[in-house]
Amino acid sequence: MPTDLPADCRDLLKLQHGILTRRQALATGLAADDIEARVRFGKWTRLQRGTYAAFTGQPSREALLWAALLRAGTGATFSHQTAAELAGLADETSTSIHITVPAGRHPARARKIPGVVIHRSGRIYEAAHPSLLPPQTRVEETVIDLTQTAPALDEAFGWLCQAAGRRLTTPQRLRQTIDARRRVRWRSELLAALQEVSAGALRT
C-alpha cells in the first residue's frame, strides 16, 4: 500500500481491494492534479469511468467487483449470480456481474457498465445484508431472485434445494422472503417445494 497517500485513502483502498472512485480520493484529501498524475505515470489504472485501481498489473476478481459496484453508484448492491458467488451458493463465476440499484434512482442514472447487468428494485435496502462487504443481498433474497430469473421451474427448485442443502439458510426464511414480496412467479409451487425441503431436513 503506498505510504504517500492520506490515511483515509489507504483505509479505503484496503477495504475495497485497491479500488476507489475519484470522488472518494478527493474526499480523503488528494488533489485532482495528483489523481491525474498517478494515472498518467501508470501508478493508477482507470478500470471504470471515475473509478481507479491504485496498483498496476492484472486486477483480482475482488477488485473488478468493487470497481463495477462503485461505478454503479449509491445504493448499488451485488445480487443474483454475483451475490450467489459471494455467499458460496454458486460454484461457478458468472461471466456477467449482477448489481441491483434502487428503483427510485432517475432512469438517466441507470448507467451502461461493460460486463454488468443492472437490476432495479424498490426494496433493495430491505433485501441487502446489513453488514457484509462488499454490499450484497441476503442469502434468502439472492435465492428467490435466482428463482425468478430461472428459465424453468426445475432450475428454480434447484436453487432452493442448494441453499438449504448447503445450510446457507432455512426453508422458513425462504418462505418469509417469498411472503414479503408482492409478486413472485411460481409462488404456490415454490412454497410447496419448500415444504418438501423442510420435511426432508427433518427426516435427516
C-alpha atoms as a PDB file:
ATOM      1  CA  MET A   1       0.000   0.000   0.000  1.00  0.00           C
ATOM      2  CA  PRO A   2       1.536   3.386  -0.990  1.00  0.00           C
ATOM      3  CA  THR A   3       2.591   5.298   2.099  1.00  0.00           C
ATOM      4  CA  ASP A   4       2.385   8.698   0.397  1.00  0.00           C
ATOM      5  CA  LEU A   5      -1.422   8.606   0.438  1.00  0.00           C
ATOM      6  CA  PRO A   6      -3.635  10.088   3.169  1.00  0.00           C
ATOM      7  CA  ALA A   7      -4.520   7.606   5.919  1.00  0.00           C
ATOM      8  CA  ASP A   8      -8.237   7.695   4.999  1.00  0.00           C
ATOM      9  CA  CYS A   9      -7.347   6.899   1.413  1.00  0.00           C
ATOM     10  CA  ARG A  10      -5.196   3.933   2.470  1.00  0.00           C
ATOM     11  CA  ASP A  11      -8.028   2.637   4.644  1.00  0.00           C
ATOM     12  CA  LEU A  12     -10.464   2.791   1.730  1.00  0.00           C
ATOM     13  CA  LEU A  13      -8.057   1.030  -0.598  1.00  0.00           C
ATOM     14  CA  LYS A  14      -7.549  -1.749   1.935  1.00  0.00           C
ATOM     15  CA  LEU A  15     -11.305  -2.170   2.366  1.00  0.00           C
ATOM     16  CA  GLN A  16     -12.077  -2.036  -1.364  1.00  0.00           C
ATOM     17  CA  HIS A  17      -9.273  -4.280  -2.639  1.00  0.00           C
ATOM     18  CA  GLY A  18      -7.246  -1.407  -4.054  1.00  0.00           C
ATOM     19  CA  ILE A  19     -10.159   0.349  -5.765  1.00  0.00           C
ATOM     20  CA  LEU A  20     -11.595   3.815  -5.187  1.00  0.00           C
ATOM     21  CA  THR A  21     -13.518   6.467  -7.045  1.00  0.00           C
ATOM     22  CA  ARG A  22     -12.367   9.935  -7.951  1.00  0.00           C
ATOM     23  CA  ARG A  23     -14.918  11.359  -5.525  1.00  0.00           C
ATOM     24  CA  GLN A  24     -13.594   9.178  -2.708  1.00  0.00           C
ATOM     25  CA  ALA A  25      -9.999  10.151  -3.466  1.00  0.00           C
ATOM     26  CA  LEU A  26     -10.840  13.854  -3.405  1.00  0.00           C
ATOM     27  CA  ALA A  27     -12.760  13.430  -0.145  1.00  0.00           C
ATOM     28  CA  THR A  28      -9.702  11.910   1.535  1.00  0.00           C
ATOM     29  CA  GLY A  29      -7.618  14.959   0.650  1.00  0.00           C
ATOM     30  CA  LEU A  30      -5.965  14.041  -2.638  1.00  0.00           C
ATOM     31  CA  ALA A  31      -5.826  16.873  -5.177  1.00  0.00           C
ATOM     32  CA  ALA A  32      -7.301  16.434  -8.649  1.00  0.00           C
ATOM     33  CA  ASP A  33      -3.865  17.051 -10.197  1.00  0.00           C
ATOM     34  CA  ASP A  34      -2.392  14.319  -8.017  1.00  0.00           C
ATOM     35  CA  ILE A  35      -5.002  11.830  -9.180  1.00  0.00           C
ATOM     36  CA  GLU A  36      -4.391  12.639 -12.845  1.00  0.00           C
ATOM     37  CA  ALA A  37      -0.615  12.425 -12.368  1.00  0.00           C
ATOM     38  CA  ARG A  38      -0.907   8.958 -10.837  1.00  0.00           C
ATOM     39  CA  VAL A  39      -2.941   7.789 -13.816  1.00  0.00           C
ATOM     40  CA  ARG A  40      -0.649   9.495 -16.338  1.00  0.00           C
ATOM     41  CA  PHE A  41       2.503   7.947 -14.892  1.00  0.00           C
ATOM     42  CA  GLY A  42       0.971   4.491 -14.614  1.00  0.00           C
ATOM     43  CA  LYS A  43       0.720   4.276 -10.829  1.00  0.00           C
ATOM     44  CA  TRP A  44      -3.050   4.038 -11.032  1.00  0.00           C
ATOM     45  CA  THR A  45      -5.230   2.385 -13.670  1.00  0.00           C
ATOM     46  CA  ARG A  46      -8.699   3.541 -14.695  1.00  0.00           C
ATOM     47  CA  LEU A  47     -10.951   0.451 -14.531  1.00  0.00           C
ATOM     48  CA  GLN A  48     -14.302   2.184 -14.902  1.00  0.00           C
ATOM     49  CA  ARG A  49     -15.293   5.762 -15.575  1.00  0.00           C
ATOM     50  CA  GLY A  50     -14.227   7.701 -12.495  1.00  0.00           C
ATOM     51  CA  THR A  51     -13.025   4.518 -10.791  1.00  0.00           C
ATOM     52  CA  TYR A  52      -9.377   3.605 -10.317  1.00  0.00           C
ATOM     53  CA  ALA A  53      -7.155   0.715  -9.298  1.00  0.00           C
ATOM     54  CA  ALA A  54      -4.349   2.101  -7.143  1.00  0.00           C
ATOM     55  CA  PHE A  55      -1.943  -0.553  -8.420  1.00  0.00           C
ATOM     56  CA  THR A  56      -0.520  -1.954 -11.643  1.00  0.00           C
ATOM     57  CA  GLY A  57      -0.960  -5.403 -13.125  1.00  0.00           C
ATOM     58  CA  GLN A  58      -3.956  -7.663 -13.524  1.00  0.00           C
ATOM     59  CA  PRO A  59      -6.789  -6.808 -11.106  1.00  0.00           C
ATOM     60  CA  SER A  60      -8.190  -9.596  -8.962  1.00  0.00           C
ATOM     61  CA  ARG A  61     -11.807 -10.738  -9.158  1.00  0.00           C
ATOM     62  CA  GLU A  62     -12.486  -8.841  -5.941  1.00  0.00           C
ATOM     63  CA  ALA A  63     -11.030  -5.654  -7.406  1.00  0.00           C
ATOM     64  CA  LEU A  64     -13.138  -5.964 -10.559  1.00  0.00           C
ATOM     65  CA  LEU A  65     -16.256  -6.474  -8.473  1.00  0.00           C
ATOM     66  CA  TRP A  66     -15.546  -3.401  -6.365  1.00  0.00           C
ATOM     67  CA  ALA A  67     -14.851  -1.304  -9.470  1.00  0.00           C
ATOM     68  CA  ALA A  68     -18.196  -2.263 -11.002  1.00  0.00           C
ATOM     69  CA  LEU A  69     -20.075  -1.704  -7.743  1.00  0.00           C
ATOM     70  CA  LEU A  70     -18.575   1.737  -7.161  1.00  0.00           C
ATOM     71  CA  ARG A  71     -19.266   2.697 -10.757  1.00  0.00           C
ATOM     72  CA  ALA A  72     -22.928   1.749 -10.283  1.00  0.00           C
ATOM     73  CA  GLY A  73     -23.318   4.440  -7.627  1.00  0.00           C
ATOM     74  CA  THR A  74     -25.234   4.995  -4.413  1.00  0.00           C
ATOM     75  CA  GLY A  75     -27.260   2.063  -3.147  1.00  0.00           C
ATOM     76  CA  ALA A  76     -25.707  -0.404  -5.576  1.00  0.00           C
ATOM     77  CA  THR A  77     -25.692  -3.954  -4.210  1.00  0.00           C
ATOM     78  CA  PHE A  78     -24.456  -7.236  -5.627  1.00  0.00           C
ATOM     79  CA  SER A  79     -27.359  -9.573  -6.356  1.00  0.00           C
ATOM     80  CA  HIS A  80     -28.421 -12.647  -8.319  1.00  0.00           C
ATOM     81  CA  GLN A  81     -25.486 -14.761  -9.624  1.00  0.00           C
ATOM     82  CA  THR A  82     -22.844 -12.443  -8.192  1.00  0.00           C
ATOM     83  CA  ALA A  83     -24.357 -12.462  -4.707  1.00  0.00           C
ATOM     84  CA  ALA A  84     -24.638 -16.247  -5.032  1.00  0.00           C
ATOM     85  CA  GLU A  85     -20.918 -16.386  -5.851  1.00  0.00           C
ATOM     86  CA  LEU A  86     -20.045 -14.296  -2.806  1.00  0.00           C
ATOM     87  CA  ALA A  87     -22.267 -16.363  -0.499  1.00  0.00           C
ATOM     88  CA  GLY A  88     -20.922 -19.728  -1.636  1.00  0.00           C
ATOM     89  CA  LEU A  89     -24.253 -20.619  -3.211  1.00  0.00           C
ATOM     90  CA  ALA A  90     -22.916 -20.796  -6.785  1.00  0.00           C
ATOM     91  CA  ASP A  91     -19.945 -22.954  -7.745  1.00  0.00           C
ATOM     92  CA  GLU A  92     -19.028 -21.042 -10.894  1.00  0.00           C
ATOM     93  CA  THR A  93     -18.202 -17.399 -11.512  1.00  0.00           C
ATOM     94  CA  SER A  94     -20.796 -15.676 -13.679  1.00  0.00           C
ATOM     95  CA  THR A  95     -19.493 -14.067 -16.856  1.00  0.00           C
ATOM     96  CA  SER A  96     -21.603 -11.007 -16.040  1.00  0.00           C
ATOM     97  CA  ILE A  97     -21.569  -9.062 -12.780  1.00  0.00           C
ATOM     98  CA  HIS A  98     -25.081  -8.627 -11.383  1.00  0.00           C
ATOM     99  CA  ILE A  99     -25.869  -5.458  -9.443  1.00  0.00           C
ATOM    100  CA  THR A 100     -29.206  -4.165  -8.170  1.00  0.00           C
ATOM    101  CA  VAL A 101     -29.790  -0.422  -7.752  1.00  0.00           C
ATOM    102  CA  PRO A 102     -32.730   1.360  -6.096  1.00  0.00           C
ATOM    103  CA  ALA A 103     -35.771   1.682  -8.339  1.00  0.00           C
ATOM    104  CA  GLY A 104     -36.165   5.286  -7.206  1.00  0.00           C
ATOM    105  CA  ARG A 105     -32.994   6.321  -8.981  1.00  0.00           C
ATOM    106  CA  HIS A 106     -33.656   8.518 -12.015  1.00  0.00           C
ATOM    107  CA  PRO A 107     -33.691   6.436 -15.240  1.00  0.00           C
ATOM    108  CA  ALA A 108     -30.922   8.600 -16.690  1.00  0.00           C
ATOM    109  CA  ARG A 109     -28.637   7.305 -13.956  1.00  0.00           C
ATOM    110  CA  ALA A 110     -29.110   3.655 -14.930  1.00  0.00           C
ATOM    111  CA  ARG A 111     -25.615   3.501 -16.319  1.00  0.00           C
ATOM    112  CA  LYS A 112     -24.394   1.202 -19.048  1.00  0.00           C
ATOM    113  CA  ILE A 113     -21.435  -0.572 -17.469  1.00  0.00           C
ATOM    114  CA  PRO A 114     -19.465  -3.065 -19.574  1.00  0.00           C
ATOM    115  CA  GLY A 115     -19.854  -6.610 -18.299  1.00  0.00           C
ATOM    116  CA  VAL A 116     -22.509  -5.623 -15.761  1.00  0.00           C
ATOM    117  CA  VAL A 117     -26.210  -6.490 -15.636  1.00  0.00           C
ATOM    118  CA  ILE A 118     -28.148  -3.805 -13.764  1.00  0.00           C
ATOM    119  CA  HIS A 119     -31.357  -4.788 -11.959  1.00  0.00           C
ATOM    120  CA  ARG A 120     -33.717  -2.334 -10.292  1.00  0.00           C
ATOM    121  CA  SER A 121     -35.664  -2.911  -7.078  1.00  0.00           C
ATOM    122  CA  GLY A 122     -37.895  -0.854  -4.830  1.00  0.00           C
ATOM    123  CA  ARG A 123     -36.859  -2.912  -1.798  1.00  0.00           C
ATOM    124  CA  ILE A 124     -33.109  -3.246  -2.284  1.00  0.00           C
ATOM    125  CA  TYR A 125     -32.333  -1.601   1.054  1.00  0.00           C
ATOM    126  CA  GLU A 126     -34.507  -4.189   2.786  1.00  0.00           C
ATOM    127  CA  ALA A 127     -33.009  -7.013   0.725  1.00  0.00           C
ATOM    128  CA  ALA A 128     -29.375  -6.039   1.300  1.00  0.00           C
ATOM    129  CA  HIS A 129     -27.376  -7.707   4.046  1.00  0.00           C
ATOM    130  CA  PRO A 130     -26.935  -5.184   6.873  1.00  0.00           C
ATOM    131  CA  SER A 131     -23.201  -5.674   7.417  1.00  0.00           C
ATOM    132  CA  LEU A 132     -21.429  -7.764   4.783  1.00  0.00           C
ATOM    133  CA  LEU A 133     -18.922  -6.094   2.478  1.00  0.00           C
ATOM    134  CA  PRO A 134     -18.970  -5.685  -0.396  1.00  0.00           C
ATOM    135  CA  PRO A 135     -22.699  -4.844  -0.244  1.00  0.00           C
ATOM    136  CA  GLN A 136     -24.758  -7.855  -1.301  1.00  0.00           C
ATOM    137  CA  THR A 137     -28.263  -9.182  -0.947  1.00  0.00           C
ATOM    138  CA  ARG A 138     -29.116 -11.521   1.908  1.00  0.00           C
ATOM    139  CA  VAL A 139     -28.858 -15.198   1.015  1.00  0.00           C
ATOM    140  CA  GLU A 140     -32.651 -15.625   1.138  1.00  0.00           C
ATOM    141  CA  GLU A 141     -33.186 -12.676  -1.196  1.00  0.00           C
ATOM    142  CA  THR A 142     -30.490 -13.976  -3.534  1.00  0.00           C
ATOM    143  CA  VAL A 143     -32.112 -17.394  -3.730  1.00  0.00           C
ATOM    144  CA  ILE A 144     -35.550 -16.010  -4.514  1.00  0.00           C
ATOM    145  CA  ASP A 145     -34.073 -13.585  -7.069  1.00  0.00           C
ATOM    146  CA  LEU A 146     -32.493 -16.562  -8.820  1.00  0.00           C
ATOM    147  CA  THR A 147     -35.765 -18.494  -8.836  1.00  0.00           C
ATOM    148  CA  GLN A 148     -37.379 -15.529 -10.542  1.00  0.00           C
ATOM    149  CA  THR A 149     -34.791 -15.367 -13.334  1.00  0.00           C
ATOM    150  CA  ALA A 150     -34.574 -19.144 -13.760  1.00  0.00           C
ATOM    151  CA  PRO A 151     -35.705 -20.257 -17.238  1.00  0.00           C
ATOM    152  CA  ALA A 152     -37.637 -23.228 -15.859  1.00  0.00           C
ATOM    153  CA  LEU A 153     -39.301 -24.330 -12.638  1.00  0.00           C
ATOM    154  CA  ASP A 154     -36.885 -27.236 -12.174  1.00  0.00           C
ATOM    155  CA  GLU A 155     -33.947 -24.827 -12.033  1.00  0.00           C
ATOM    156  CA  ALA A 156     -35.838 -22.632  -9.570  1.00  0.00           C
ATOM    157  CA  PHE A 157     -36.358 -25.694  -7.362  1.00  0.00           C
ATOM    158  CA  GLY A 158     -32.656 -26.413  -7.641  1.00  0.00           C
ATOM    159  CA  TRP A 159     -31.722 -23.074  -6.078  1.00  0.00           C
ATOM    160  CA  LEU A 160     -34.000 -23.753  -3.095  1.00  0.00           C
ATOM    161  CA  CYS A 161     -32.503 -27.183  -2.544  1.00  0.00           C
ATOM    162  CA  GLN A 162     -28.934 -25.977  -2.958  1.00  0.00           C
ATOM    163  CA  ALA A 163     -29.342 -23.147  -0.464  1.00  0.00           C
ATOM    164  CA  ALA A 164     -30.911 -25.394   2.149  1.00  0.00           C
ATOM    165  CA  GLY A 165     -28.577 -28.308   1.437  1.00  0.00           C
ATOM    166  CA  ARG A 166     -25.518 -26.139   1.997  1.00  0.00           C
ATOM    167  CA  ARG A 167     -27.072 -24.780   5.196  1.00  0.00           C
ATOM    168  CA  LEU A 168     -26.816 -21.215   3.960  1.00  0.00           C
ATOM    169  CA  THR A 169     -30.400 -20.534   5.025  1.00  0.00           C
ATOM    170  CA  THR A 170     -33.557 -22.345   6.088  1.00  0.00           C
ATOM    171  CA  PRO A 171     -36.856 -23.147   4.376  1.00  0.00           C
ATOM    172  CA  GLN A 172     -38.608 -20.940   6.924  1.00  0.00           C
ATOM    173  CA  ARG A 173     -36.516 -17.893   5.998  1.00  0.00           C
ATOM    174  CA  LEU A 174     -37.060 -18.556   2.326  1.00  0.00           C
ATOM    175  CA  ARG A 175     -40.828 -18.736   2.903  1.00  0.00           C
ATOM    176  CA  GLN A 176     -40.699 -15.432   4.771  1.00  0.00           C
ATOM    177  CA  THR A 177     -38.844 -13.841   1.870  1.00  0.00           C
ATOM    178  CA  ILE A 178     -41.437 -15.059  -0.605  1.00  0.00           C
ATOM    179  CA  ASP A 179     -44.240 -13.763   1.624  1.00  0.00           C
ATOM    180  CA  ALA A 180     -42.565 -10.336   1.813  1.00  0.00           C
ATOM    181  CA  ARG A 181     -42.733  -9.921  -1.964  1.00  0.00           C
ATOM    182  CA  ARG A 182     -45.831  -8.699  -3.712  1.00  0.00           C
ATOM    183  CA  ARG A 183     -45.139 -10.511  -6.952  1.00  0.00           C
ATOM    184  CA  VAL A 184     -43.479 -13.926  -7.145  1.00  0.00           C
ATOM    185  CA  ARG A 185     -43.538 -16.153 -10.188  1.00  0.00           C
ATOM    186  CA  TRP A 186     -44.417 -19.769  -9.271  1.00  0.00           C
ATOM    187  CA  ARG A 187     -45.331 -18.675  -5.736  1.00  0.00           C
ATOM    188  CA  SER A 188     -47.501 -21.687  -4.875  1.00  0.00           C
ATOM    189  CA  GLU A 189     -45.057 -24.142  -6.467  1.00  0.00           C
ATOM    190  CA  LEU A 190     -42.091 -22.670  -4.613  1.00  0.00           C
ATOM    191  CA  LEU A 191     -43.919 -22.732  -1.295  1.00  0.00           C
ATOM    192  CA  ALA A 192     -44.893 -26.361  -1.874  1.00  0.00           C
ATOM    193  CA  ALA A 193     -41.290 -27.204  -2.724  1.00  0.00           C
ATOM    194  CA  LEU A 194     -40.110 -25.560   0.492  1.00  0.00           C
ATOM    195  CA  GLN A 195     -42.496 -27.768   2.466  1.00  0.00           C
ATOM    196  CA  GLU A 196     -40.866 -30.808   0.874  1.00  0.00           C
ATOM    197  CA  VAL A 197     -37.379 -29.452   1.568  1.00  0.00           C
ATOM    198  CA  SER A 198     -38.315 -28.756   5.184  1.00  0.00           C
ATOM    199  CA  ALA A 199     -39.790 -32.231   5.626  1.00  0.00           C
ATOM    200  CA  GLY A 200     -36.660 -33.781   4.146  1.00  0.00           C
ATOM    201  CA  ALA A 201     -34.449 -31.801   6.506  1.00  0.00           C
ATOM    202  CA  LEU A 202     -36.473 -33.005   9.494  1.00  0.00           C
ATOM    203  CA  ARG A 203     -36.081 -36.655   8.398  1.00  0.00           C
ATOM    204  CA  THR A 204     -32.272 -36.402   8.115  1.00  0.00           C
END
